């Protein structure tokens, strides 16, 4: 699976999850079962750099979500 195809799988997978806007990295492993965890991690971090995804951290836990989705995304942008 190519990188662009994997990015599409991730975005579509996140959009299908109703009522949830932030996901653990392990959730992305399930979306790309043929990929090694390190490859998935690099892809997700690349998507954050490209501003397709954003990360949220509580200090001990890091979660990822679609850029601007959920309450944290809107509050950080000053849109509320």
PDB file of N, CA and C in Angstrom:
ATOM      1  N   UNK A   1       0.842  -1.175   0.000  1.00  0.00           N
ATOM      2  CA  UNK A   1       0.000   0.000   0.000  1.00  0.00           C
ATOM      3  C   UNK A   1       0.887   1.239   0.000  1.00  0.00           C
ATOM      4  N   UNK A   2       0.597   2.146  -0.876  1.00  0.00           N
ATOM      5  CA  UNK A   2       1.365   3.387  -0.984  1.00  0.00           C
ATOM      6  C   UNK A   2       1.012   4.340   0.162  1.00  0.00           C
ATOM      7  N   UNK A   3       1.864   5.335   0.391  1.00  0.00           N
ATOM      8  CA  UNK A   3       1.657   6.305   1.463  1.00  0.00           C
ATOM      9  C   UNK A   3       0.358   7.077   1.279  1.00  0.00           C
ATOM     10  N   UNK A   4       0.094   7.567   0.081  1.00  0.00           N
ATOM     11  CA  UNK A   4      -1.133   8.336  -0.174  1.00  0.00           C
ATOM     12  C   UNK A   4      -2.376   7.486   0.081  1.00  0.00           C
ATOM     13  N   UNK A   5      -2.298   6.236  -0.308  1.00  0.00           N
ATOM     14  CA  UNK A   5      -3.415   5.309  -0.086  1.00  0.00           C
ATOM     15  C   UNK A   5      -3.623   5.077   1.410  1.00  0.00           C
ATOM     16  N   UNK A   6      -2.535   4.928   2.150  1.00  0.00           N
ATOM     17  CA  UNK A   6      -2.611   4.715   3.597  1.00  0.00           C
ATOM     18  C   UNK A   6      -3.181   5.950   4.292  1.00  0.00           C
ATOM     19  N   UNK A   7      -2.797   7.134   3.839  1.00  0.00           N
ATOM     20  CA  UNK A   7      -3.340   8.368   4.403  1.00  0.00           C
ATOM     21  C   UNK A   7      -4.849   8.431   4.190  1.00  0.00           C
ATOM     22  N   UNK A   8      -5.292   8.033   3.020  1.00  0.00           N
ATOM     23  CA  UNK A   8      -6.726   8.031   2.717  1.00  0.00           C
ATOM     24  C   UNK A   8      -7.463   7.047   3.623  1.00  0.00           C
ATOM     25  N   UNK A   9      -6.880   5.872   3.852  1.00  0.00           N
ATOM     26  CA  UNK A   9      -7.485   4.874   4.738  1.00  0.00           C
ATOM     27  C   UNK A   9      -7.633   5.447   6.149  1.00  0.00           C
ATOM     28  N   UNK A  10      -6.622   6.136   6.620  1.00  0.00           N
ATOM     29  CA  UNK A  10      -6.658   6.719   7.965  1.00  0.00           C
ATOM     30  C   UNK A  10      -7.736   7.803   8.061  1.00  0.00           C
ATOM     31  N   UNK A  11      -7.754   8.731   7.125  1.00  0.00           N
ATOM     32  CA  UNK A  11      -8.743   9.819   7.161  1.00  0.00           C
ATOM     33  C   UNK A  11     -10.158   9.258   7.096  1.00  0.00           C
ATOM     34  N   UNK A  12     -10.398   8.324   6.186  1.00  0.00           N
ATOM     35  CA  UNK A  12     -11.731   7.725   6.072  1.00  0.00           C
ATOM     36  C   UNK A  12     -12.098   6.950   7.335  1.00  0.00           C
ATOM     37  N   UNK A  13     -11.139   6.248   7.914  1.00  0.00           N
ATOM     38  CA  UNK A  13     -11.386   5.505   9.142  1.00  0.00           C
ATOM     39  C   UNK A  13     -11.751   6.416  10.303  1.00  0.00           C
ATOM     40  N   UNK A  14     -11.080   7.558  10.399  1.00  0.00           N
ATOM     41  CA  UNK A  14     -11.369   8.506  11.471  1.00  0.00           C
ATOM     42  C   UNK A  14     -12.726   9.162  11.274  1.00  0.00           C
ATOM     43  N   UNK A  15     -13.073   9.469  10.029  1.00  0.00           N
ATOM     44  CA  UNK A  15     -14.357  10.117   9.740  1.00  0.00           C
ATOM     45  C   UNK A  15     -15.539   9.191  10.029  1.00  0.00           C
ATOM     46  N   UNK A  16     -15.335   7.891   9.933  1.00  0.00           N
ATOM     47  CA  UNK A  16     -16.409   6.922  10.184  1.00  0.00           C
ATOM     48  C   UNK A  16     -16.715   6.766  11.672  1.00  0.00           C
ATOM     49  N   UNK A  17     -15.764   7.108  12.529  1.00  0.00           N
ATOM     50  CA  UNK A  17     -15.939   6.932  13.972  1.00  0.00           C
ATOM     51  C   UNK A  17     -16.751   8.106  14.523  1.00  0.00           C
ATOM     52  N   UNK A  18     -18.030   7.910  14.665  1.00  0.00           N
ATOM     53  CA  UNK A  18     -18.929   8.958  15.159  1.00  0.00           C
ATOM     54  C   UNK A  18     -18.768   9.141  16.663  1.00  0.00           C
ATOM     55  N   UNK A  19     -18.798  10.377  17.103  1.00  0.00           N
ATOM     56  CA  UNK A  19     -18.746  10.677  18.523  1.00  0.00           C
ATOM     57  C   UNK A  19     -17.358  10.608  19.139  1.00  0.00           C
ATOM     58  N   UNK A  20     -16.360  10.360  18.349  1.00  0.00           N
ATOM     59  CA  UNK A  20     -15.000  10.272  18.861  1.00  0.00           C
ATOM     60  C   UNK A  20     -14.105  11.087  17.932  1.00  0.00           C
ATOM     61  N   UNK A  21     -13.295  11.976  18.508  1.00  0.00           N
ATOM     62  CA  UNK A  21     -12.455  12.813  17.663  1.00  0.00           C
ATOM     63  C   UNK A  21     -10.959  12.617  17.895  1.00  0.00           C
ATOM     64  N   UNK A  22     -10.584  11.966  18.984  1.00  0.00           N
ATOM     65  CA  UNK A  22      -9.170  11.733  19.298  1.00  0.00           C
ATOM     66  C   UNK A  22      -8.912  10.239  19.437  1.00  0.00           C
ATOM     67  N   UNK A  23      -7.758   9.801  18.928  1.00  0.00           N
ATOM     68  CA  UNK A  23      -7.447   8.373  18.874  1.00  0.00           C
ATOM     69  C   UNK A  23      -6.028   8.112  19.336  1.00  0.00           C
ATOM     70  N   UNK A  24      -5.840   6.946  19.961  1.00  0.00           N
ATOM     71  CA  UNK A  24      -4.509   6.492  20.341  1.00  0.00           C
ATOM     72  C   UNK A  24      -3.766   6.011  19.100  1.00  0.00           C
ATOM     73  N   UNK A  25      -2.449   6.006  19.176  1.00  0.00           N
ATOM     74  CA  UNK A  25      -1.636   5.526  18.062  1.00  0.00           C
ATOM     75  C   UNK A  25      -1.967   4.073  17.734  1.00  0.00           C
ATOM     76  N   UNK A  26      -2.280   3.268  18.746  1.00  0.00           N
ATOM     77  CA  UNK A  26      -2.609   1.858  18.505  1.00  0.00           C
ATOM     78  C   UNK A  26      -3.858   1.708  17.636  1.00  0.00           C
ATOM     79  N   UNK A  27      -4.755   2.690  17.642  1.00  0.00           N
ATOM     80  CA  UNK A  27      -5.940   2.647  16.777  1.00  0.00           C
ATOM     81  C   UNK A  27      -5.537   2.702  15.300  1.00  0.00           C
ATOM     82  N   UNK A  28      -4.456   3.403  15.016  1.00  0.00           N
ATOM     83  CA  UNK A  28      -3.971   3.499  13.638  1.00  0.00           C
ATOM     84  C   UNK A  28      -3.325   2.189  13.184  1.00  0.00           C
ATOM     85  N   UNK A  29      -2.733   1.454  14.135  1.00  0.00           N
ATOM     86  CA  UNK A  29      -2.152   0.148  13.794  1.00  0.00           C
ATOM     87  C   UNK A  29      -3.235  -0.778  13.257  1.00  0.00           C
ATOM     88  N   UNK A  30      -4.416  -0.724  13.838  1.00  0.00           N
ATOM     89  CA  UNK A  30      -5.527  -1.580  13.395  1.00  0.00           C
ATOM     90  C   UNK A  30      -6.014  -1.190  12.001  1.00  0.00           C
ATOM     91  N   UNK A  31      -5.889   0.081  11.658  1.00  0.00           N
ATOM     92  CA  UNK A  31      -6.324   0.545  10.331  1.00  0.00           C
ATOM     93  C   UNK A  31      -5.378   0.077   9.230  1.00  0.00           C
ATOM     94  N   UNK A  32      -4.116  -0.124   9.592  1.00  0.00           N
ATOM     95  CA  UNK A  32      -3.093  -0.548   8.624  1.00  0.00           C
ATOM     96  C   UNK A  32      -2.406  -1.812   9.150  1.00  0.00           C
ATOM     97  N   UNK A  33      -3.116  -2.923   9.170  1.00  0.00           N
ATOM     98  CA  UNK A  33      -2.568  -4.143   9.788  1.00  0.00           C
ATOM     99  C   UNK A  33      -1.334  -4.723   9.084  1.00  0.00           C
ATOM    100  N   UNK A  34      -1.138  -4.415   7.819  1.00  0.00           N
ATOM    101  CA  UNK A  34       0.019  -4.940   7.084  1.00  0.00           C
ATOM    102  C   UNK A  34       1.280  -4.107   7.312  1.00  0.00           C
ATOM    103  N   UNK A  35       1.142  -2.964   7.936  1.00  0.00           N
ATOM    104  CA  UNK A  35       2.274  -2.073   8.188  1.00  0.00           C
ATOM    105  C   UNK A  35       2.877  -2.371   9.551  1.00  0.00           C
ATOM    106  N   UNK A  36       4.182  -2.168   9.679  1.00  0.00           N
ATOM    107  CA  UNK A  36       4.854  -2.302  10.960  1.00  0.00           C
ATOM    108  C   UNK A  36       4.521  -1.074  11.811  1.00  0.00           C
ATOM    109  N   UNK A  37       4.475  -1.238  13.135  1.00  0.00           N
ATOM    110  CA  UNK A  37       4.145  -0.101  14.010  1.00  0.00           C
ATOM    111  C   UNK A  37       5.021   1.134  13.778  1.00  0.00           C
ATOM    112  N   UNK A  38       6.296   0.934  13.536  1.00  0.00           N
ATOM    113  CA  UNK A  38       7.184   2.080  13.307  1.00  0.00           C
ATOM    114  C   UNK A  38       6.799   2.828  12.032  1.00  0.00           C
ATOM    115  N   UNK A  39       6.406   2.096  10.986  1.00  0.00           N
ATOM    116  CA  UNK A  39       5.982   2.728   9.737  1.00  0.00           C
ATOM    117  C   UNK A  39       4.709   3.540   9.942  1.00  0.00           C
ATOM    118  N   UNK A  40       3.771   2.994  10.727  1.00  0.00           N
ATOM    119  CA  UNK A  40       2.520   3.695  11.018  1.00  0.00           C
ATOM    120  C   UNK A  40       2.823   4.967  11.811  1.00  0.00           C
ATOM    121  N   UNK A  41       3.710   4.853  12.787  1.00  0.00           N
ATOM    122  CA  UNK A  41       4.086   6.009  13.596  1.00  0.00           C
ATOM    123  C   UNK A  41       4.672   7.119  12.714  1.00  0.00           C
ATOM    124  N   UNK A  42       5.557   6.762  11.809  1.00  0.00           N
ATOM    125  CA  UNK A  42       6.152   7.748  10.910  1.00  0.00           C
ATOM    126  C   UNK A  42       5.094   8.389  10.016  1.00  0.00           C
ATOM    127  N   UNK A  43       4.165   7.576   9.511  1.00  0.00           N
ATOM    128  CA  UNK A  43       3.104   8.088   8.648  1.00  0.00           C
ATOM    129  C   UNK A  43       2.221   9.071   9.404  1.00  0.00           C
ATOM    130  N   UNK A  44       1.804   8.712  10.618  1.00  0.00           N
ATOM    131  CA  UNK A  44       0.939   9.585  11.413  1.00  0.00           C
ATOM    132  C   UNK A  44       1.664  10.891  11.740  1.00  0.00           C
ATOM    133  N   UNK A  45       2.924  10.813  12.132  1.00  0.00           N
ATOM    134  CA  UNK A  45       3.683  12.035  12.421  1.00  0.00           C
ATOM    135  C   UNK A  45       3.850  12.900  11.177  1.00  0.00           C
ATOM    136  N   UNK A  46       4.028  12.266  10.028  1.00  0.00           N
ATOM    137  CA  UNK A  46       4.119  13.004   8.767  1.00  0.00           C
ATOM    138  C   UNK A  46       2.790  13.708   8.473  1.00  0.00           C
ATOM    139  N   UNK A  47       1.679  13.031   8.756  1.00  0.00           N
ATOM    140  CA  UNK A  47       0.365  13.630   8.535  1.00  0.00           C
ATOM    141  C   UNK A  47       0.129  14.817   9.473  1.00  0.00           C
ATOM    142  N   UNK A  48       0.700  14.759  10.684  1.00  0.00           N
ATOM    143  CA  UNK A  48       0.619  15.900  11.604  1.00  0.00           C
ATOM    144  C   UNK A  48       1.418  17.068  11.023  1.00  0.00           C
ATOM    145  N   UNK A  49       2.606  16.795  10.490  1.00  0.00           N
ATOM    146  CA  UNK A  49       3.426  17.848   9.891  1.00  0.00           C
ATOM    147  C   UNK A  49       2.748  18.478   8.682  1.00  0.00           C
ATOM    148  N   UNK A  50       2.000  17.672   7.935  1.00  0.00           N
ATOM    149  CA  UNK A  50       1.284  18.174   6.761  1.00  0.00           C
ATOM    150  C   UNK A  50      -0.040  18.838   7.144  1.00  0.00           C
ATOM    151  N   UNK A  51      -0.350  18.857   8.442  1.00  0.00           N
ATOM    152  CA  UNK A  51      -1.569  19.440   8.995  1.00  0.00           C
ATOM    153  C   UNK A  51      -2.834  18.729   8.540  1.00  0.00           C
ATOM    154  N   UNK A  52      -2.725  17.440   8.234  1.00  0.00           N
ATOM    155  CA  UNK A  52      -3.895  16.612   7.960  1.00  0.00           C
ATOM    156  C   UNK A  52      -4.484  16.138   9.288  1.00  0.00           C
ATOM    157  N   UNK A  53      -3.596  15.873  10.239  1.00  0.00           N
ATOM    158  CA  UNK A  53      -3.969  15.450  11.582  1.00  0.00           C
ATOM    159  C   UNK A  53      -3.354  16.426  12.571  1.00  0.00           C
ATOM    160  N   UNK A  54      -3.856  16.371  13.797  1.00  0.00           N
ATOM    161  CA  UNK A  54      -3.249  17.144  14.880  1.00  0.00           C
ATOM    162  C   UNK A  54      -3.097  16.226  16.078  1.00  0.00           C
ATOM    163  N   UNK A  55      -2.183  16.574  16.955  1.00  0.00           N
ATOM    164  CA  UNK A  55      -2.038  15.753  18.146  1.00  0.00           C
ATOM    165  C   UNK A  55      -2.433  16.569  19.364  1.00  0.00           C
ATOM    166  N   UNK A  56      -2.867  15.837  20.374  1.00  0.00           N
ATOM    167  CA  UNK A  56      -3.252  16.420  21.647  1.00  0.00           C
ATOM    168  C   UNK A  56      -2.562  15.609  22.719  1.00  0.00           C
ATOM    169  N   UNK A  57      -1.972  16.281  23.682  1.00  0.00           N
ATOM    170  CA  UNK A  57      -1.251  15.580  24.728  1.00  0.00           C
ATOM    171  C   UNK A  57      -1.720  16.057  26.099  1.00  0.00           C
ATOM    172  N   UNK A  58      -1.918  15.108  26.995  1.00  0.00           N
ATOM    173  CA  UNK A  58      -2.268  15.442  28.380  1.00  0.00           C
ATOM    174  C   UNK A  58      -1.008  15.507  29.239  1.00  0.00           C
ATOM    175  N   UNK A  59       0.109  15.229  28.651  1.00  0.00           N
ATOM    176  CA  UNK A  59       1.371  15.163  29.378  1.00  0.00           C
ATOM    177  C   UNK A  59       1.854  13.727  29.490  1.00  0.00           C
ATOM    178  N   UNK A  60       0.916  12.814  29.711  1.00  0.00           N
ATOM    179  CA  UNK A  60       1.283  11.407  29.806  1.00  0.00           C
ATOM    180  C   UNK A  60       0.728  10.598  28.641  1.00  0.00           C
ATOM    181  N   UNK A  61      -0.270  11.136  27.956  1.00  0.00           N
ATOM    182  CA  UNK A  61      -0.922  10.431  26.854  1.00  0.00           C
ATOM    183  C   UNK A  61      -0.985  11.341  25.645  1.00  0.00           C
ATOM    184  N   UNK A  62      -0.682  10.796  24.480  1.00  0.00           N
ATOM    185  CA  UNK A  62      -0.793  11.544  23.240  1.00  0.00           C
ATOM    186  C   UNK A  62      -1.894  10.929  22.396  1.00  0.00           C
ATOM    187  N   UNK A  63      -2.794  11.771  21.926  1.00  0.00           N
ATOM    188  CA  UNK A  63      -3.884  11.342  21.065  1.00  0.00           C
ATOM    189  C   UNK A  63      -3.803  12.110  19.756  1.00  0.00           C
ATOM    190  N   UNK A  64      -4.360  11.526  18.707  1.00  0.00           N
ATOM    191  CA  UNK A  64      -4.343  12.131  17.384  1.00  0.00           C
ATOM    192  C   UNK A  64      -5.763  12.240  16.855  1.00  0.00           C
ATOM    193  N   UNK A  65      -6.002  13.250  16.028  1.00  0.00           N
ATOM    194  CA  UNK A  65      -7.315  13.410  15.410  1.00  0.00           C
ATOM    195  C   UNK A  65      -7.215  14.239  14.148  1.00  0.00           C
ATOM    196  N   UNK A  66      -8.314  14.318  13.432  1.00  0.00           N
ATOM    197  CA  UNK A  66      -8.363  15.124  12.217  1.00  0.00           C
ATOM    198  C   UNK A  66      -8.240  16.592  12.607  1.00  0.00           C
ATOM    199  N   UNK A  67      -7.447  17.329  11.881  1.00  0.00           N
ATOM    200  CA  UNK A  67      -7.203  18.747  12.154  1.00  0.00           C
ATOM    201  C   UNK A  67      -8.514  19.510  12.251  1.00  0.00           C
ATOM    202  N   UNK A  68      -8.737  20.182  13.386  1.00  0.00           N
ATOM    203  CA  UNK A  68      -9.919  21.003  13.590  1.00  0.00           C
ATOM    204  C   UNK A  68     -11.148  20.264  14.081  1.00  0.00           C
ATOM    205  N   UNK A  69     -11.092  18.950  14.173  1.00  0.00           N
ATOM    206  CA  UNK A  69     -12.254  18.178  14.629  1.00  0.00           C
ATOM    207  C   UNK A  69     -12.236  18.078  16.149  1.00  0.00           C
ATOM    208  N   UNK A  70     -13.395  18.074  16.750  1.00  0.00           N
ATOM    209  CA  UNK A  70     -13.496  17.934  18.193  1.00  0.00           C
ATOM    210  C   UNK A  70     -13.368  19.254  18.912  1.00  0.00           C
ATOM    211  N   UNK A  71     -13.630  19.235  20.196  1.00  0.00           N
ATOM    212  CA  UNK A  71     -13.639  20.458  20.995  1.00  0.00           C
ATOM    213  C   UNK A  71     -12.261  21.067  21.145  1.00  0.00           C
ATOM    214  N   UNK A  72     -11.225  20.236  21.354  1.00  0.00           N
ATOM    215  CA  UNK A  72      -9.882  20.762  21.525  1.00  0.00           C
ATOM    216  C   UNK A  72      -9.422  21.497  20.272  1.00  0.00           C
ATOM    217  N   UNK A  73      -9.682  20.937  19.101  1.00  0.00           N
ATOM    218  CA  UNK A  73      -9.254  21.549  17.845  1.00  0.00           C
ATOM    219  C   UNK A  73      -9.866  22.919  17.659  1.00  0.00           C
ATOM    220  N   UNK A  74     -11.160  23.069  17.901  1.00  0.00           N
ATOM    221  CA  UNK A  74     -11.837  24.333  17.714  1.00  0.00           C
ATOM    222  C   UNK A  74     -11.401  25.349  18.758  1.00  0.00           C
ATOM    223  N   UNK A  75     -11.206  24.922  19.999  1.00  0.00           N
ATOM    224  CA  UNK A  75     -10.800  25.837  21.064  1.00  0.00           C
ATOM    225  C   UNK A  75      -9.400  26.368  20.825  1.00  0.00           C
ATOM    226  N   UNK A  76      -8.500  25.518  20.343  1.00  0.00           N
ATOM    227  CA  UNK A  76      -7.140  25.950  20.070  1.00  0.00           C
ATOM    228  C   UNK A  76      -7.091  26.961  18.937  1.00  0.00           C
ATOM    229  N   UNK A  77      -7.991  26.834  17.991  1.00  0.00           N
ATOM    230  CA  UNK A  77      -8.020  27.721  16.846  1.00  0.00           C
ATOM    231  C   UNK A  77      -8.697  29.061  17.189  1.00  0.00           C
ATOM    232  N   UNK A  78      -9.368  29.116  18.340  1.00  0.00           N
ATOM    233  CA  UNK A  78     -10.076  30.327  18.729  1.00  0.00           C
ATOM    234  C   UNK A  78     -11.390  30.501  17.999  1.00  0.00           C
ATOM    235  N   UNK A  79     -11.988  29.406  17.553  1.00  0.00           N
ATOM    236  CA  UNK A  79     -13.208  29.469  16.772  1.00  0.00           C
ATOM    237  C   UNK A  79     -14.461  29.421  17.632  1.00  0.00           C
ATOM    238  N   UNK A  80     -14.326  29.129  18.909  1.00  0.00           N
ATOM    239  CA  UNK A  80     -15.519  29.042  19.767  1.00  0.00           C
ATOM    240  C   UNK A  80     -15.804  30.365  20.435  1.00  0.00           C
TER     241      UNK A  80
END
